[in-house]
C-alpha atoms as a PDB file:
ATOM      1  CA  UNK A   1      31.714   4.730 -11.807  1.00  0.00           C
ATOM      2  CA  UNK A   2      30.425   8.623 -11.083  1.00  0.00           C
ATOM      3  CA  UNK A   3      27.201   9.058  -9.532  1.00  0.00           C
ATOM      4  CA  UNK A   4      26.630  11.083 -11.651  1.00  0.00           C
ATOM      5  CA  UNK A   5      27.862   8.944 -15.116  1.00  0.00           C
ATOM      6  CA  UNK A   6      24.950   6.672 -13.194  1.00  0.00           C
ATOM      7  CA  UNK A   7      22.321   8.520 -13.100  1.00  0.00           C
ATOM      8  CA  UNK A   8      22.834  10.504 -16.341  1.00  0.00           C
ATOM      9  CA  UNK A   9      22.811   5.926 -18.091  1.00  0.00           C
ATOM     10  CA  UNK A  10      19.408   5.628 -16.050  1.00  0.00           C
ATOM     11  CA  UNK A  11      18.007   8.757 -17.548  1.00  0.00           C
ATOM     12  CA  UNK A  12      18.806   7.034 -20.907  1.00  0.00           C
ATOM     13  CA  UNK A  13      18.032   3.565 -20.484  1.00  0.00           C
ATOM     14  CA  UNK A  14      14.279   4.746 -19.163  1.00  0.00           C
ATOM     15  CA  UNK A  15      14.049   7.198 -22.663  1.00  0.00           C
ATOM     16  CA  UNK A  16      15.951   4.496 -24.666  1.00  0.00           C
ATOM     17  CA  UNK A  17      13.554   2.294 -23.957  1.00  0.00           C
ATOM     18  CA  UNK A  18      10.567   3.980 -25.112  1.00  0.00           C
ATOM     19  CA  UNK A  19      12.259   4.540 -27.865  1.00  0.00           C
ATOM     20  CA  UNK A  20      13.034   1.537 -28.536  1.00  0.00           C
ATOM     21  CA  UNK A  21       9.857   0.117 -28.672  1.00  0.00           C
ATOM     22  CA  UNK A  22       7.958   2.928 -30.218  1.00  0.00           C
ATOM     23  CA  UNK A  23      10.806   2.341 -33.473  1.00  0.00           C
ATOM     24  CA  UNK A  24      10.181  -0.665 -33.511  1.00  0.00           C
ATOM     25  CA  UNK A  25       6.020  -0.397 -34.231  1.00  0.00           C
ATOM     26  CA  UNK A  26       6.958   2.072 -36.812  1.00  0.00           C
ATOM     27  CA  UNK A  27       9.505   0.150 -38.502  1.00  0.00           C
ATOM     28  CA  UNK A  28       7.179  -2.439 -38.774  1.00  0.00           C
ATOM     29  CA  UNK A  29       4.045  -0.112 -39.533  1.00  0.00           C
ATOM     30  CA  UNK A  30       1.910  -0.274 -36.792  1.00  0.00           C
ATOM     31  CA  UNK A  31       2.662   3.233 -36.137  1.00  0.00           C
ATOM     32  CA  UNK A  32       2.905   6.225 -38.484  1.00  0.00           C
ATOM     33  CA  UNK A  33       6.233   7.764 -38.460  1.00  0.00           C
ATOM     34  CA  UNK A  34       4.897  11.163 -37.512  1.00  0.00           C
ATOM     35  CA  UNK A  35       2.792   9.402 -34.333  1.00  0.00           C
ATOM     36  CA  UNK A  36       6.519   8.455 -33.014  1.00  0.00           C
ATOM     37  CA  UNK A  37       7.985  11.931 -33.381  1.00  0.00           C
ATOM     38  CA  UNK A  38       4.517  13.833 -31.819  1.00  0.00           C
ATOM     39  CA  UNK A  39       4.811  10.851 -28.710  1.00  0.00           C
ATOM     40  CA  UNK A  40       8.443  10.883 -28.360  1.00  0.00           C
ATOM     41  CA  UNK A  41       8.463  15.436 -28.267  1.00  0.00           C
ATOM     42  CA  UNK A  42       5.316  15.038 -25.847  1.00  0.00           C
ATOM     43  CA  UNK A  43       7.805  12.239 -23.828  1.00  0.00           C
ATOM     44  CA  UNK A  44      10.562  14.937 -23.804  1.00  0.00           C
ATOM     45  CA  UNK A  45       8.501  17.987 -22.897  1.00  0.00           C
ATOM     46  CA  UNK A  46       6.886  16.046 -20.097  1.00  0.00           C
ATOM     47  CA  UNK A  47      10.376  15.296 -18.698  1.00  0.00           C
ATOM     48  CA  UNK A  48      12.221  18.200 -19.010  1.00  0.00           C
ATOM     49  CA  UNK A  49       8.844  20.876 -17.155  1.00  0.00           C
ATOM     50  CA  UNK A  50      10.365  19.894 -13.886  1.00  0.00           C
ATOM     51  CA  UNK A  51      13.742  20.898 -14.801  1.00  0.00           C
ATOM     52  CA  UNK A  52      12.742  23.594 -16.152  1.00  0.00           C
ATOM     53  CA  UNK A  53      10.326  24.780 -14.719  1.00  0.00           C
ATOM     54  CA  UNK A  54      11.500  23.512 -10.524  1.00  0.00           C
ATOM     55  CA  UNK A  55       7.404  22.638  -9.814  1.00  0.00           C
ATOM     56  CA  UNK A  56       6.527  19.514 -10.937  1.00  0.00           C
ATOM     57  CA  UNK A  57       3.987  18.340 -13.113  1.00  0.00           C
ATOM     58  CA  UNK A  58       1.179  17.853 -10.225  1.00  0.00           C
ATOM     59  CA  UNK A  59       1.370  21.620  -9.544  1.00  0.00           C
ATOM     60  CA  UNK A  60       0.768  21.838 -12.920  1.00  0.00           C
ATOM     61  CA  UNK A  61      -2.158  19.734 -14.323  1.00  0.00           C
ATOM     62  CA  UNK A  62      -4.122  18.118 -10.812  1.00  0.00           C
ATOM     63  CA  UNK A  63      -6.700  19.701  -9.030  1.00  0.00           C
ATOM     64  CA  UNK A  64      -6.027  20.620  -5.450  1.00  0.00           C
ATOM     65  CA  UNK A  65      -7.305  18.180  -3.519  1.00  0.00           C
ATOM     66  CA  UNK A  66      -7.009  14.834  -6.697  1.00  0.00           C
ATOM     67  CA  UNK A  67      -4.770  11.805  -5.864  1.00  0.00           C
ATOM     68  CA  UNK A  68      -1.961  12.346  -8.318  1.00  0.00           C
ATOM     69  CA  UNK A  69      -1.935   8.352  -8.440  1.00  0.00           C
ATOM     70  CA  UNK A  70      -5.611   8.683  -9.398  1.00  0.00           C
ATOM     71  CA  UNK A  71      -4.829  11.536 -12.108  1.00  0.00           C
ATOM     72  CA  UNK A  72      -1.735  10.195 -13.765  1.00  0.00           C
ATOM     73  CA  UNK A  73      -3.747   6.630 -14.386  1.00  0.00           C
ATOM     74  CA  UNK A  74      -6.529   8.731 -15.335  1.00  0.00           C
ATOM     75  CA  UNK A  75      -4.695  10.621 -18.140  1.00  0.00           C
ATOM     76  CA  UNK A  76      -2.759   7.404 -19.263  1.00  0.00           C
ATOM     77  CA  UNK A  77      -5.679   5.862 -19.861  1.00  0.00           C
ATOM     78  CA  UNK A  78      -7.214   8.881 -21.468  1.00  0.00           C
ATOM     79  CA  UNK A  79      -4.398   8.665 -23.587  1.00  0.00           C
ATOM     80  CA  UNK A  80      -4.519   4.825 -24.716  1.00  0.00           C
ATOM     81  CA  UNK A  81      -8.027   5.512 -25.370  1.00  0.00           C
ATOM     82  CA  UNK A  82      -7.422   7.611 -27.615  1.00  0.00           C
ATOM     83  CA  UNK A  83      -4.891   6.290 -29.607  1.00  0.00           C
ATOM     84  CA  UNK A  84      -6.832   3.251 -29.815  1.00  0.00           C
ATOM     85  CA  UNK A  85     -10.089   4.027 -30.826  1.00  0.00           C
ATOM     86  CA  UNK A  86      -8.234   6.343 -33.816  1.00  0.00           C
ATOM     87  CA  UNK A  87      -5.503   4.540 -34.751  1.00  0.00           C
ATOM     88  CA  UNK A  88      -6.989   0.895 -33.783  1.00  0.00           C
ATOM     89  CA  UNK A  89      -5.840  -1.773 -31.363  1.00  0.00           C
ATOM     90  CA  UNK A  90      -2.179  -2.309 -32.722  1.00  0.00           C
ATOM     91  CA  UNK A  91      -1.086   1.150 -32.244  1.00  0.00           C
ATOM     92  CA  UNK A  92      -2.351   0.866 -28.073  1.00  0.00           C
ATOM     93  CA  UNK A  93      -1.125  -2.062 -28.097  1.00  0.00           C
ATOM     94  CA  UNK A  94       2.309  -0.669 -28.914  1.00  0.00           C
ATOM     95  CA  UNK A  95       1.972   2.198 -26.792  1.00  0.00           C
ATOM     96  CA  UNK A  96       0.940  -0.148 -24.313  1.00  0.00           C
ATOM     97  CA  UNK A  97       4.102  -2.170 -24.801  1.00  0.00           C
ATOM     98  CA  UNK A  98       6.178   1.444 -24.784  1.00  0.00           C
ATOM     99  CA  UNK A  99       4.482   2.720 -21.240  1.00  0.00           C
ATOM    100  CA  UNK A 100       5.165  -1.399 -19.765  1.00  0.00           C
ATOM    101  CA  UNK A 101       8.834  -1.098 -20.219  1.00  0.00           C
ATOM    102  CA  UNK A 102       9.514   1.978 -19.739  1.00  0.00           C
ATOM    103  CA  UNK A 103       8.530   2.126 -15.762  1.00  0.00           C
ATOM    104  CA  UNK A 104       9.696  -1.511 -15.113  1.00  0.00           C
ATOM    105  CA  UNK A 105      13.103  -0.186 -17.086  1.00  0.00           C
ATOM    106  CA  UNK A 106      12.983   2.749 -14.514  1.00  0.00           C
ATOM    107  CA  UNK A 107      11.821   0.947 -11.414  1.00  0.00           C
ATOM    108  CA  UNK A 108      14.839  -1.630 -12.331  1.00  0.00           C
ATOM    109  CA  UNK A 109      17.661   1.915 -12.582  1.00  0.00           C
ATOM    110  CA  UNK A 110      15.485   3.408  -9.585  1.00  0.00           C
ATOM    111  CA  UNK A 111      15.582  -0.192  -7.045  1.00  0.00           C
ATOM    112  CA  UNK A 112      18.159  -2.386  -8.264  1.00  0.00           C
ATOM    113  CA  UNK A 113      21.210  -0.432  -9.952  1.00  0.00           C
ATOM    114  CA  UNK A 114      21.701   3.671  -8.290  1.00  0.00           C
ATOM    115  CA  UNK A 115      19.600   2.982  -5.192  1.00  0.00           C
ATOM    116  CA  UNK A 116      18.672   6.326  -4.635  1.00  0.00           C
ATOM    117  CA  UNK A 117      16.534   8.346  -6.449  1.00  0.00           C
ATOM    118  CA  UNK A 118      17.416   9.833  -9.381  1.00  0.00           C
ATOM    119  CA  UNK A 119      16.368  12.766 -11.661  1.00  0.00           C
ATOM    120  CA  UNK A 120      13.047  10.718 -12.932  1.00  0.00           C
ATOM    121  CA  UNK A 121      12.415  10.568  -9.586  1.00  0.00           C
ATOM    122  CA  UNK A 122      11.182  13.623  -9.936  1.00  0.00           C
ATOM    123  CA  UNK A 123       8.970  13.320 -12.848  1.00  0.00           C
ATOM    124  CA  UNK A 124       7.146   9.494 -11.526  1.00  0.00           C
ATOM    125  CA  UNK A 125       6.625  11.449  -8.270  1.00  0.00           C
ATOM    126  CA  UNK A 126       5.069  13.944 -10.126  1.00  0.00           C
ATOM    127  CA  UNK A 127       2.427  12.022 -11.889  1.00  0.00           C
ATOM    128  CA  UNK A 128       1.757  10.076  -8.940  1.00  0.00           C
ATOM    129  CA  UNK A 129       4.485   7.001  -8.021  1.00  0.00           C
ATOM    130  CA  UNK A 130       4.713   6.586  -4.391  1.00  0.00           C
ATOM    131  CA  UNK A 131       7.671   4.554  -4.271  1.00  0.00           C
ATOM    132  CA  UNK A 132       9.060   7.680  -1.696  1.00  0.00           C
ATOM    133  CA  UNK A 133       6.788   6.510   0.997  1.00  0.00           C
ATOM    134  CA  UNK A 134       6.696   3.262   0.228  1.00  0.00           C
ATOM    135  CA  UNK A 135      10.051   2.761   0.478  1.00  0.00           C
ATOM    136  CA  UNK A 136       9.861  -0.147  -2.448  1.00  0.00           C
ATOM    137  CA  UNK A 137       8.808   0.054  -6.292  1.00  0.00           C
ATOM    138  CA  UNK A 138       5.604   1.008  -6.749  1.00  0.00           C
ATOM    139  CA  UNK A 139       4.275  -1.222  -9.116  1.00  0.00           C
ATOM    140  CA  UNK A 140       0.704  -0.640  -9.550  1.00  0.00           C
ATOM    141  CA  UNK A 141       0.998   1.171 -13.262  1.00  0.00           C
ATOM    142  CA  UNK A 142       2.319  -2.271 -14.402  1.00  0.00           C
ATOM    143  CA  UNK A 143      -0.725  -4.280 -12.541  1.00  0.00           C
ATOM    144  CA  UNK A 144      -3.152  -1.378 -15.400  1.00  0.00           C
ATOM    145  CA  UNK A 145      -0.678  -1.974 -18.019  1.00  0.00           C
ATOM    146  CA  UNK A 146      -0.708  -5.559 -17.975  1.00  0.00           C
ATOM    147  CA  UNK A 147      -4.407  -5.111 -17.735  1.00  0.00           C
ATOM    148  CA  UNK A 148      -4.863  -3.155 -20.399  1.00  0.00           C
ATOM    149  CA  UNK A 149      -2.919  -5.615 -22.440  1.00  0.00           C
ATOM    150  CA  UNK A 150      -4.885  -8.386 -21.505  1.00  0.00           C
ATOM    151  CA  UNK A 151      -7.926  -6.360 -22.969  1.00  0.00           C
ATOM    152  CA  UNK A 152      -6.972  -5.207 -26.449  1.00  0.00           C
ATOM    153  CA  UNK A 153      -4.556  -8.447 -27.607  1.00  0.00           C
ATOM    154  CA  UNK A 154      -7.934 -10.902 -26.362  1.00  0.00           C
ATOM    155  CA  UNK A 155     -11.318  -8.605 -27.318  1.00  0.00           C
ATOM    156  CA  UNK A 156     -12.136  -6.182 -29.867  1.00  0.00           C
ATOM    157  CA  UNK A 157     -11.835  -2.894 -30.011  1.00  0.00           C
ATOM    158  CA  UNK A 158     -14.845  -1.629 -28.557  1.00  0.00           C
ATOM    159  CA  UNK A 159     -15.139  -3.799 -25.137  1.00  0.00           C
ATOM    160  CA  UNK A 160     -11.052  -2.962 -25.003  1.00  0.00           C
ATOM    161  CA  UNK A 161     -11.647   0.523 -24.612  1.00  0.00           C
ATOM    162  CA  UNK A 162     -14.501   0.456 -22.088  1.00  0.00           C
ATOM    163  CA  UNK A 163     -12.663  -1.223 -19.655  1.00  0.00           C
ATOM    164  CA  UNK A 164      -9.157   1.333 -20.335  1.00  0.00           C
ATOM    165  CA  UNK A 165     -12.315   4.038 -19.329  1.00  0.00           C
ATOM    166  CA  UNK A 166     -13.879   2.503 -17.136  1.00  0.00           C
ATOM    167  CA  UNK A 167     -10.337   2.719 -14.938  1.00  0.00           C
ATOM    168  CA  UNK A 168      -9.517   5.771 -16.465  1.00  0.00           C
ATOM    169  CA  UNK A 169     -12.872   7.498 -14.824  1.00  0.00           C
ATOM    170  CA  UNK A 170     -14.960   5.121 -13.239  1.00  0.00           C
ATOM    171  CA  UNK A 171     -11.940   4.226 -10.804  1.00  0.00           C
ATOM    172  CA  UNK A 172      -9.986   7.680 -11.074  1.00  0.00           C
ATOM    173  CA  UNK A 173     -12.834   9.354  -9.981  1.00  0.00           C
ATOM    174  CA  UNK A 174     -14.443   7.112  -7.468  1.00  0.00           C
ATOM    175  CA  UNK A 175     -12.015   8.215  -4.400  1.00  0.00           C
ATOM    176  CA  UNK A 176     -12.435  11.926  -5.254  1.00  0.00           C
ATOM    177  CA  UNK A 177     -16.198  11.755  -5.683  1.00  0.00           C
ATOM    178  CA  UNK A 178     -16.647   9.418  -2.578  1.00  0.00           C
ATOM    179  CA  UNK A 179     -15.622  12.363  -0.433  1.00  0.00           C
ATOM    180  CA  UNK A 180     -17.347  14.769  -1.701  1.00  0.00           C
ATOM    181  CA  UNK A 181     -20.156  12.928  -2.010  1.00  0.00           C
ATOM    182  CA  UNK A 182     -20.198  11.482   0.847  1.00  0.00           C
ATOM    183  CA  UNK A 183     -22.859   9.269   1.393  1.00  0.00           C
ATOM    184  CA  UNK A 184     -22.793   5.599   3.519  1.00  0.00           C
ATOM    185  CA  UNK A 185     -19.032   3.221   3.407  1.00  0.00           C
ATOM    186  CA  UNK A 186     -19.730   0.335   1.775  1.00  0.00           C
ATOM    187  CA  UNK A 187     -20.276  -2.440   4.456  1.00  0.00           C
ATOM    188  CA  UNK A 188     -18.651  -4.890   2.559  1.00  0.00           C
ATOM    189  CA  UNK A 189     -15.225  -2.723   2.233  1.00  0.00           C
ATOM    190  CA  UNK A 190     -14.906  -0.134   4.180  1.00  0.00           C
ATOM    191  CA  UNK A 191     -12.125   1.437   1.896  1.00  0.00           C
ATOM    192  CA  UNK A 192     -14.373   2.624  -0.396  1.00  0.00           C
ATOM    193  CA  UNK A 193     -17.964   5.176  -0.611  1.00  0.00           C
ATOM    194  CA  UNK A 194     -21.083   3.668  -1.976  1.00  0.00           C
ATOM    195  CA  UNK A 195     -21.476   7.494  -3.502  1.00  0.00           C
ATOM    196  CA  UNK A 196     -17.759   7.314  -4.761  1.00  0.00           C
ATOM    197  CA  UNK A 197     -19.146   3.885  -6.479  1.00  0.00           C
ATOM    198  CA  UNK A 198     -21.764   4.991  -8.224  1.00  0.00           C
ATOM    199  CA  UNK A 199     -20.127   8.587  -9.602  1.00  0.00           C
ATOM    200  CA  UNK A 200     -17.577   6.805 -10.934  1.00  0.00           C
ATOM    201  CA  UNK A 201     -19.787   3.948 -12.393  1.00  0.00           C
ATOM    202  CA  UNK A 202     -22.246   7.079 -14.258  1.00  0.00           C
ATOM    203  CA  UNK A 203     -18.829   8.839 -15.348  1.00  0.00           C
ATOM    204  CA  UNK A 204     -17.548   6.061 -16.733  1.00  0.00           C
ATOM    205  CA  UNK A 205     -21.113   4.995 -18.452  1.00  0.00           C
ATOM    206  CA  UNK A 206     -21.428   8.743 -19.877  1.00  0.00           C
ATOM    207  CA  UNK A 207     -18.072   8.524 -22.106  1.00  0.00           C
ATOM    208  CA  UNK A 208     -18.692   4.568 -22.787  1.00  0.00           C
ATOM    209  CA  UNK A 209     -22.129   5.337 -24.156  1.00  0.00           C
ATOM    210  CA  UNK A 210     -20.811   7.586 -27.021  1.00  0.00           C
ATOM    211  CA  UNK A 211     -19.053   4.802 -28.901  1.00  0.00           C
ATOM    212  CA  UNK A 212     -20.406   1.894 -27.225  1.00  0.00           C
ATOM    213  CA  UNK A 213     -23.673  -0.044 -27.688  1.00  0.00           C
ATOM    214  CA  UNK A 214     -26.093   0.797 -24.291  1.00  0.00           C
ATOM    215  CA  UNK A 215     -25.957  -3.075 -23.264  1.00  0.00           C
ATOM    216  CA  UNK A 216     -22.593  -3.455 -23.643  1.00  0.00           C
ATOM    217  CA  UNK A 217     -21.435   0.416 -21.915  1.00  0.00           C
ATOM    218  CA  UNK A 218     -24.003  -0.353 -18.809  1.00  0.00           C
ATOM    219  CA  UNK A 219     -22.727  -4.387 -18.526  1.00  0.00           C
ATOM    220  CA  UNK A 220     -18.954  -3.381 -19.012  1.00  0.00           C
ATOM    221  CA  UNK A 221     -18.596   0.082 -16.243  1.00  0.00           C
ATOM    222  CA  UNK A 222     -20.938  -2.307 -13.693  1.00  0.00           C
ATOM    223  CA  UNK A 223     -18.366  -5.316 -14.055  1.00  0.00           C
ATOM    224  CA  UNK A 224     -15.755  -3.021 -13.392  1.00  0.00           C
ATOM    225  CA  UNK A 225     -16.934  -0.740 -10.887  1.00  0.00           C
ATOM    226  CA  UNK A 226     -18.631  -4.093  -8.882  1.00  0.00           C
ATOM    227  CA  UNK A 227     -14.755  -5.280  -9.330  1.00  0.00           C
ATOM    228  CA  UNK A 228     -13.000  -1.626  -7.781  1.00  0.00           C
ATOM    229  CA  UNK A 229     -15.646  -1.468  -4.759  1.00  0.00           C
ATOM    230  CA  UNK A 230     -15.123  -5.124  -3.432  1.00  0.00           C
ATOM    231  CA  UNK A 231     -12.167  -6.726  -1.623  1.00  0.00           C
ATOM    232  CA  UNK A 232     -10.987  -9.103  -3.674  1.00  0.00           C
ATOM    233  CA  UNK A 233      -7.009  -9.028  -2.287  1.00  0.00           C
ATOM    234  CA  UNK A 234      -6.217  -8.636  -6.281  1.00  0.00           C
ATOM    235  CA  UNK A 235      -4.696  -5.231  -7.537  1.00  0.00           C
ATOM    236  CA  UNK A 236      -7.608  -2.958  -8.503  1.00  0.00           C
ATOM    237  CA  UNK A 237      -5.434  -1.839 -11.285  1.00  0.00           C
ATOM    238  CA  UNK A 238      -5.842  -5.183 -12.942  1.00  0.00           C
ATOM    239  CA  UNK A 239      -8.679  -6.683 -11.642  1.00  0.00           C
ATOM    240  CA  UNK A 240     -11.319  -3.677 -13.058  1.00  0.00           C
ATOM    241  CA  UNK A 241      -9.834  -3.541 -16.890  1.00  0.00           C
ATOM    242  CA  UNK A 242     -10.752  -7.450 -16.910  1.00  0.00           C
ATOM    243  CA  UNK A 243     -13.396  -7.401 -15.111  1.00  0.00           C
ATOM    244  CA  UNK A 244     -14.973  -4.109 -17.503  1.00  0.00           C
ATOM    245  CA  UNK A 245     -13.841  -6.128 -20.831  1.00  0.00           C
ATOM    246  CA  UNK A 246     -14.878  -9.307 -20.175  1.00  0.00           C
ATOM    247  CA  UNK A 247     -19.040  -7.196 -19.324  1.00  0.00           C
ATOM    248  CA  UNK A 248     -18.720  -5.501 -22.119  1.00  0.00           C
ATOM    249  CA  UNK A 249     -17.566  -7.863 -24.302  1.00  0.00           C
ATOM    250  CA  UNK A 250     -20.597 -10.347 -22.995  1.00  0.00           C
ATOM    251  CA  UNK A 251     -23.188  -7.729 -24.337  1.00  0.00           C
ATOM    252  CA  UNK A 252     -21.622  -6.524 -27.158  1.00  0.00           C
ATOM    253  CA  UNK A 253     -23.525  -8.289 -29.746  1.00  0.00           C
ATOM    254  CA  UNK A 254     -26.873  -7.841 -27.911  1.00  0.00           C
END
């Protein structure tokens, strides 16, 4: 089979995996057909944008100096948060499932089928994938999706929403804020800064207070950002939302 044909099949399989999950959600009435079509339309536009403009998505959206990985998971988290708050937990779960299946399909074809960059690599790199630099699959997004899935499946919507905001906003702004604000290095984890963690906590809290009870918002943001700044040996993308949702849920009724 020609290499170009393999690339095309890899792209179609990746797009098809997302379409299949969303279509199943629409078929069972979990997501509205209009939302399904809108999601596929926006996804298709973002997929074609680098090809049409010869520029990466990051060049349009990411402010200079902001890590693309953090920007990508901040935007993705905010979309999941919006789906959950507007359309409910089932819709958020379907969307998280679609993202998870899509990314795993992409990584499979990228590393075990083609064994070379494909067109989608341009798109994923634009959104923050480090795969070319690492020389291996970049699975941190999967950790985040699993963390979000646990939060939405096992916990109330409000607590799950807090967990998403803590990862998307708190953990997302902490590295950049740490470089700007400076202050002291975290004595427990030199890779983190106290200033970054404090700013991340305050940024996440400011948003969480708009929809959650103060006690739940404070507890969730504190637990999540504490997990973010401790060297626990577990991927932050998974640990932060889990810690945040537990903290938020414990104080949800207070």
